[in-house]
N, C-alpha and C. Protein backbone atom coordinates (compact mmCIF):
# COMPACT_ATOMS: atom_id res chain seq x y z
N MET A 1 -12.56 45.23 -53.88
CA MET A 1 -12.90 44.22 -55.14
C MET A 1 -12.68 44.66 -56.54
N CYS A 2 -12.24 42.92 -57.54
CA CYS A 2 -11.62 43.28 -58.60
C CYS A 2 -13.05 43.41 -59.44
N LYS A 3 -13.56 44.30 -60.31
CA LYS A 3 -14.53 43.92 -61.46
C LYS A 3 -14.49 43.34 -62.94
N HIS A 4 -13.22 42.59 -63.07
CA HIS A 4 -12.58 42.38 -64.06
C HIS A 4 -12.54 40.77 -63.61
N ILE A 5 -12.19 40.49 -62.55
CA ILE A 5 -11.99 38.67 -61.81
C ILE A 5 -12.77 38.79 -60.75
N LEU A 6 -14.02 37.99 -60.94
CA LEU A 6 -14.68 38.09 -59.82
C LEU A 6 -14.44 37.34 -58.55
N ASN A 7 -13.76 36.40 -58.53
CA ASN A 7 -13.11 35.38 -58.01
C ASN A 7 -11.53 35.31 -57.45
N ALA A 8 -10.94 36.53 -57.46
CA ALA A 8 -9.72 37.08 -57.58
C ALA A 8 -9.24 35.83 -56.30
N GLN A 9 -7.94 35.34 -56.29
CA GLN A 9 -7.85 34.87 -54.14
C GLN A 9 -7.07 35.52 -53.97
N VAL A 10 -5.81 36.72 -55.27
CA VAL A 10 -4.36 37.47 -54.59
C VAL A 10 -4.24 38.42 -54.91
N SER A 11 -3.89 39.47 -54.10
CA SER A 11 -3.46 40.05 -54.85
C SER A 11 -2.21 40.53 -55.27
N ILE A 12 -2.00 41.32 -56.43
CA ILE A 12 -0.10 40.88 -57.20
C ILE A 12 0.22 42.88 -57.05
N ARG A 13 1.13 42.36 -56.26
CA ARG A 13 2.07 44.56 -56.26
C ARG A 13 2.88 44.65 -56.98
N ALA A 14 2.24 45.66 -58.05
CA ALA A 14 3.17 46.13 -59.50
C ALA A 14 4.81 46.54 -58.82
N PRO A 15 5.32 45.70 -59.86
CA PRO A 15 6.52 46.34 -59.40
C PRO A 15 7.07 47.47 -59.71
N CYS A 16 6.05 48.06 -60.73
CA CYS A 16 6.89 49.44 -61.04
C CYS A 16 6.54 50.35 -59.79
N CYS A 17 5.11 50.02 -59.35
CA CYS A 17 4.69 51.42 -58.81
C CYS A 17 4.75 50.96 -57.20
N LYS A 18 5.08 49.72 -57.30
CA LYS A 18 4.90 49.09 -55.42
C LYS A 18 3.83 49.40 -55.02
N LYS A 19 2.45 49.41 -55.50
CA LYS A 19 1.08 49.31 -55.24
C LYS A 19 0.49 48.12 -55.61
N TRP A 20 -0.38 47.54 -54.90
CA TRP A 20 -1.38 46.31 -55.03
C TRP A 20 -2.51 46.55 -55.81
N PHE A 21 -2.49 45.36 -56.53
CA PHE A 21 -4.19 45.41 -57.45
C PHE A 21 -4.14 43.84 -57.72
N ASP A 22 -5.27 43.95 -58.64
CA ASP A 22 -6.37 42.15 -57.76
C ASP A 22 -5.90 42.04 -60.20
N CYS A 23 -5.50 42.62 -60.49
CA CYS A 23 -5.34 42.00 -61.82
C CYS A 23 -4.88 43.43 -63.10
N PRO A 24 -4.04 42.78 -63.72
CA PRO A 24 -3.21 44.15 -64.09
C PRO A 24 -4.71 45.23 -65.22
N GLU A 25 -5.79 44.67 -65.45
CA GLU A 25 -6.17 45.74 -66.17
C GLU A 25 -6.75 46.91 -64.69
N CYS A 26 -7.42 46.37 -63.72
CA CYS A 26 -7.16 47.11 -62.25
C CYS A 26 -5.92 48.52 -62.76
N HIS A 27 -4.50 47.82 -62.97
CA HIS A 27 -3.36 48.66 -62.81
C HIS A 27 -3.45 49.92 -63.55
N ALA A 28 -4.03 49.13 -65.05
CA ALA A 28 -3.71 50.05 -66.31
C ALA A 28 -4.98 51.04 -66.39
N GLU A 29 -6.50 50.79 -65.53
CA GLU A 29 -7.28 51.75 -65.19
C GLU A 29 -6.84 53.25 -64.44
N VAL A 30 -5.80 53.22 -63.51
CA VAL A 30 -5.51 53.84 -62.33
C VAL A 30 -4.01 54.42 -62.59
N SER A 31 -3.21 54.03 -63.42
CA SER A 31 -1.77 54.43 -63.92
C SER A 31 -1.72 55.12 -64.90
N SER A 32 -1.00 55.67 -65.41
CA SER A 32 -0.35 56.07 -66.34
C SER A 32 1.01 55.66 -67.10
N HIS A 33 1.18 54.65 -66.45
CA HIS A 33 2.67 54.20 -67.32
C HIS A 33 1.83 52.56 -67.47
N ASN A 34 3.05 51.44 -68.07
CA ASN A 34 2.75 50.51 -68.30
C ASN A 34 3.01 49.51 -67.15
N LEU A 35 2.77 48.30 -67.18
CA LEU A 35 2.70 47.45 -65.42
C LEU A 35 4.55 47.01 -66.47
N ALA A 36 5.22 46.64 -65.29
CA ALA A 36 6.94 46.30 -65.33
C ALA A 36 6.33 44.74 -65.28
N LYS A 37 7.54 44.11 -65.99
CA LYS A 37 7.55 42.79 -66.03
C LYS A 37 8.30 42.39 -65.28
N THR A 38 8.27 41.00 -64.24
CA THR A 38 9.35 41.12 -63.38
C THR A 38 9.17 39.30 -63.06
N LEU A 39 10.16 38.33 -63.06
CA LEU A 39 10.44 37.27 -62.48
C LEU A 39 9.96 36.68 -61.20
N GLU A 40 10.32 37.77 -59.82
CA GLU A 40 9.94 37.18 -59.24
C GLU A 40 8.48 38.10 -58.26
N MET A 41 7.71 38.03 -57.87
CA MET A 41 6.20 38.24 -58.11
C MET A 41 5.80 38.26 -56.38
N VAL A 42 5.27 39.18 -55.90
CA VAL A 42 5.05 39.59 -54.37
C VAL A 42 3.10 39.37 -54.93
N PHE A 43 2.84 38.40 -53.87
CA PHE A 43 0.96 38.14 -53.47
C PHE A 43 0.86 38.36 -52.07
N MET A 44 -0.53 39.00 -52.08
CA MET A 44 -1.17 39.14 -51.17
C MET A 44 -2.04 37.73 -50.97
N CYS A 45 -2.33 37.00 -50.25
CA CYS A 45 -3.14 36.53 -50.25
C CYS A 45 -4.52 37.21 -49.30
N LYS A 46 -5.79 36.93 -49.92
CA LYS A 46 -7.21 37.78 -49.67
C LYS A 46 -7.67 37.04 -48.63
N LYS A 47 -7.37 35.29 -48.24
CA LYS A 47 -8.28 34.81 -47.39
C LYS A 47 -7.11 34.99 -45.53
N CYS A 48 -6.01 34.75 -46.04
CA CYS A 48 -5.41 35.54 -44.66
C CYS A 48 -4.61 36.86 -44.49
N ARG A 49 -4.71 37.43 -45.52
CA ARG A 49 -4.18 38.90 -45.56
C ARG A 49 -2.52 39.14 -45.05
N LYS A 50 -1.58 37.90 -45.70
CA LYS A 50 -0.52 37.47 -45.52
C LYS A 50 0.28 37.25 -46.96
N ALA A 51 1.36 38.33 -47.05
CA ALA A 51 2.10 38.76 -48.42
C ALA A 51 3.31 37.85 -48.32
N PHE A 52 3.68 37.11 -49.53
CA PHE A 52 4.62 36.06 -49.89
C PHE A 52 4.63 36.29 -51.46
N ARG A 53 6.51 35.64 -51.72
CA ARG A 53 6.86 36.45 -52.60
C ARG A 53 7.10 34.78 -53.09
N LYS A 54 7.30 34.79 -54.79
CA LYS A 54 7.22 33.20 -55.90
C LYS A 54 8.31 33.53 -56.78
N ASP A 55 9.10 32.62 -57.05
CA ASP A 55 9.85 33.23 -57.77
C ASP A 55 9.17 32.41 -59.09
N MET A 56 8.70 32.82 -60.10
CA MET A 56 8.48 32.66 -61.18
C MET A 56 9.18 31.37 -62.27
N THR A 57 10.67 31.94 -62.21
CA THR A 57 11.51 30.89 -62.97
C THR A 57 11.22 29.03 -62.65
N VAL A 58 11.59 29.16 -61.59
CA VAL A 58 11.15 27.62 -60.90
C VAL A 58 9.73 27.24 -60.35
N TYR A 59 8.85 27.92 -61.06
CA TYR A 59 7.14 27.73 -60.52
C TYR A 59 6.84 26.27 -60.98
N GLU A 60 6.33 25.72 -59.38
CA GLU A 60 6.01 24.59 -59.55
C GLU A 60 4.47 24.20 -59.27
N ASP A 61 3.68 22.77 -58.98
CA ASP A 61 2.38 23.09 -59.28
C ASP A 61 2.20 23.12 -57.74
N SER A 62 2.91 23.03 -56.30
CA SER A 62 3.14 23.42 -55.12
C SER A 62 2.58 24.53 -54.77
N ASP A 63 3.18 25.98 -55.66
CA ASP A 63 3.08 27.36 -55.67
C ASP A 63 2.04 28.00 -55.72
N GLU A 64 0.64 26.81 -56.11
CA GLU A 64 -0.31 27.32 -56.58
C GLU A 64 -1.05 27.59 -55.24
N TYR A 65 -0.49 27.89 -53.99
CA TYR A 65 -1.01 27.53 -52.97
C TYR A 65 -0.21 28.55 -51.26
N CYS A 66 -1.12 29.16 -51.03
CA CYS A 66 -0.57 30.29 -50.04
C CYS A 66 0.32 29.60 -49.32
N PRO A 67 1.72 29.83 -48.77
CA PRO A 67 2.12 29.34 -48.14
C PRO A 67 1.91 28.91 -46.36
N HIS A 68 0.50 30.38 -46.20
CA HIS A 68 0.53 30.63 -44.67
C HIS A 68 -0.75 29.62 -44.70
N CYS A 69 -1.56 29.91 -45.28
CA CYS A 69 -2.92 28.90 -44.81
C CYS A 69 -3.30 28.23 -45.70
N ASP A 70 -2.55 27.48 -47.27
CA ASP A 70 -2.92 26.84 -48.25
C ASP A 70 -4.18 26.97 -48.69
N ASN A 71 -4.71 28.13 -49.13
CA ASN A 71 -5.65 28.70 -49.71
C ASN A 71 -5.16 28.35 -51.40
N HIS A 72 -5.87 27.74 -52.04
CA HIS A 72 -5.78 27.77 -53.64
C HIS A 72 -5.92 28.77 -54.44
N TYR A 73 -4.90 29.76 -54.46
CA TYR A 73 -4.91 30.51 -55.20
C TYR A 73 -5.16 30.73 -56.59
N VAL A 74 -4.44 29.90 -57.81
CA VAL A 74 -4.62 29.93 -58.61
C VAL A 74 -5.55 29.03 -59.24
N VAL A 75 -6.74 29.78 -59.33
CA VAL A 75 -8.44 29.16 -59.93
C VAL A 75 -8.67 29.81 -61.09
N ASP A 76 -9.26 28.89 -62.23
CA ASP A 76 -10.35 29.72 -63.43
C ASP A 76 -10.64 30.88 -62.91
N ALA A 77 -10.36 31.94 -63.93
CA ALA A 77 -11.33 33.58 -63.71
C ALA A 77 -12.38 32.98 -63.77
N LYS A 78 -13.13 34.24 -63.19
CA LYS A 78 -14.85 34.04 -63.55
C LYS A 78 -14.63 35.76 -64.09
N SER A 79 -15.08 35.74 -64.90
CA SER A 79 -15.13 37.33 -65.56
C SER A 79 -16.56 37.29 -65.73
N PRO A 80 -16.81 39.21 -65.99
CA PRO A 80 -18.45 39.16 -65.86
C PRO A 80 -18.71 39.26 -66.96
N GLN A 81 -20.32 38.60 -67.23
CA GLN A 81 -20.62 38.29 -68.46
C GLN A 81 -21.65 39.13 -68.61
N ALA A 82 -22.27 39.59 -69.33
CA ALA A 82 -23.34 40.17 -69.74
C ALA A 82 -24.81 39.49 -69.83
N VAL A 83 -25.53 39.56 -68.98
CA VAL A 83 -26.79 38.50 -69.19
C VAL A 83 -27.65 39.22 -69.85
N LEU A 84 -28.34 38.47 -70.69
CA LEU A 84 -30.21 39.20 -71.42
C LEU A 84 -30.94 38.24 -70.12
N GLY A 85 -31.73 39.18 -69.56
CA GLY A 85 -33.13 38.31 -68.78
C GLY A 85 -34.23 39.52 -69.09
N VAL A 86 -35.28 38.96 -68.20
CA VAL A 86 -36.56 39.44 -68.20
C VAL A 86 -37.27 39.60 -66.98
N GLU A 87 -36.98 40.96 -66.70
CA GLU A 87 -37.74 41.04 -65.31
C GLU A 87 -39.15 41.15 -64.95
N GLY A 88 -39.98 40.61 -64.13
CA GLY A 88 -41.19 40.77 -63.83
C GLY A 88 -41.70 39.73 -62.88
N GLU A 89 -43.11 39.80 -62.75
CA GLU A 89 -43.72 39.59 -61.51
C GLU A 89 -43.29 37.72 -61.68
N ASP A 90 -43.62 37.03 -60.69
CA ASP A 90 -43.73 35.43 -60.29
C ASP A 90 -44.72 34.94 -61.76
N ALA A 91 -44.19 34.19 -62.74
CA ALA A 91 -45.26 33.70 -63.61
C ALA A 91 -46.23 32.95 -63.09
N ARG A 92 -46.22 32.44 -61.52
CA ARG A 92 -47.51 31.36 -61.50
C ARG A 92 -48.33 32.78 -61.19
N LYS A 93 -48.36 34.01 -60.85
CA LYS A 93 -48.92 34.68 -60.51
C LYS A 93 -49.75 35.88 -61.84
N ASP A 94 -48.99 36.05 -63.01
CA ASP A 94 -49.06 36.39 -63.89
C ASP A 94 -47.64 36.09 -65.50
N ALA A 95 -48.89 35.23 -65.84
CA ALA A 95 -48.19 34.30 -67.28
C ALA A 95 -48.14 34.86 -68.41
N ARG A 96 -48.59 36.45 -68.33
CA ARG A 96 -48.35 36.76 -69.97
C ARG A 96 -46.79 37.28 -70.29
N MET A 97 -45.94 37.06 -69.28
CA MET A 97 -44.52 37.32 -70.03
C MET A 97 -44.36 35.99 -70.71
N ILE A 98 -44.69 34.95 -70.14
CA ILE A 98 -44.13 33.63 -71.53
C ILE A 98 -45.04 33.44 -71.90
N LYS A 99 -45.89 33.93 -72.13
CA LYS A 99 -47.10 33.78 -73.50
C LYS A 99 -46.44 33.64 -75.14
N ASP A 100 -46.28 32.42 -75.53
CA ASP A 100 -45.64 32.63 -77.53
C ASP A 100 -46.58 33.36 -77.96
N ASP A 101 -45.84 34.63 -78.16
CA ASP A 101 -46.37 35.62 -79.13
C ASP A 101 -46.32 35.04 -80.48
N ARG A 102 -45.73 33.66 -80.95
CA ARG A 102 -46.08 33.57 -82.48
C ARG A 102 -47.15 32.23 -83.05
N THR A 103 -47.83 32.10 -81.89
CA THR A 103 -48.74 31.45 -82.58
C THR A 103 -49.99 32.66 -81.96
N LYS A 104 -50.71 32.23 -83.04
CA LYS A 104 -52.27 33.25 -83.22
C LYS A 104 -53.29 33.17 -81.91
N GLU A 105 -53.56 34.18 -81.16
CA GLU A 105 -53.97 34.20 -80.53
C GLU A 105 -55.96 33.89 -80.71
N ALA A 106 -56.65 33.13 -79.85
CA ALA A 106 -58.24 33.27 -80.80
C ALA A 106 -58.67 34.65 -80.05
N ALA A 107 -59.57 34.26 -80.93
CA ALA A 107 -60.40 35.91 -80.77
C ALA A 107 -61.26 36.87 -79.64
N TYR A 108 -61.12 37.51 -78.93
CA TYR A 108 -61.97 38.24 -77.33
C TYR A 108 -62.93 37.54 -77.58
N ARG A 109 -63.50 36.74 -76.45
CA ARG A 109 -64.91 36.68 -76.11
C ARG A 109 -65.42 36.74 -74.92
N SER A 110 -66.37 37.60 -75.14
CA SER A 110 -66.95 37.97 -73.28
C SER A 110 -68.57 37.29 -73.45
N ILE A 111 -68.65 37.41 -72.61
CA ILE A 111 -70.34 36.75 -72.36
C ILE A 111 -71.57 37.95 -72.86
N PHE A 112 -70.71 39.30 -72.98
CA PHE A 112 -71.59 40.27 -73.23
C PHE A 112 -71.34 40.68 -74.80
N MET A 113 -70.56 40.08 -75.37
CA MET A 113 -70.52 40.02 -77.05
C MET A 113 -71.45 38.97 -77.51
N GLN A 114 -72.52 38.64 -77.62
CA GLN A 114 -73.43 37.49 -77.53
C GLN A 114 -73.41 37.54 -79.37
N ASP A 115 -73.39 36.44 -79.58
CA ASP A 115 -73.98 35.98 -81.61
C ASP A 115 -75.94 35.89 -80.93
N ASN A 116 -76.14 36.84 -81.63
CA ASN A 116 -77.75 36.81 -81.37
C ASN A 116 -78.34 37.03 -83.05
N SER A 117 -77.71 36.66 -83.81
CA SER A 117 -78.22 35.97 -85.32
C SER A 117 -79.23 35.09 -85.56
N GLY A 118 -78.82 33.75 -85.04
CA GLY A 118 -79.37 32.43 -84.89
C GLY A 118 -80.41 32.49 -84.01
N ARG A 119 -80.80 33.88 -83.31
CA ARG A 119 -81.86 33.64 -82.22
C ARG A 119 -83.46 33.99 -82.74
N LEU A 120 -84.08 33.41 -82.27
CA LEU A 120 -85.33 33.27 -82.43
C LEU A 120 -86.37 34.49 -81.70
N GLY A 121 -87.05 35.36 -82.62
CA GLY A 121 -87.58 36.19 -81.94
C GLY A 121 -87.31 38.04 -81.33
């Protein structure tokens, strides 16, 4: 599994070291050399696990699919994004997390804190 591209559909065989990687960043993390460039790429489909070659000089729209299982492997990459979230209880049980602190809260009142100043006797 690639931690850089979450929806990788193929693995690519690096022409320099003949190892399989999901993306160039994965190659850079484990290799001490630069990724060699080539015009003929070797892919392995992650759906049917079969390898195939593509000539990049004559690449067409029909080449975006695996020749064995028709898996569309050229898709927009989904990379991991940092998300700021708040973990807590269900807001239906405990709504203190969704309280707006910008509004001034009324003074705390209780039945034990009665005002007896206006009381007779």
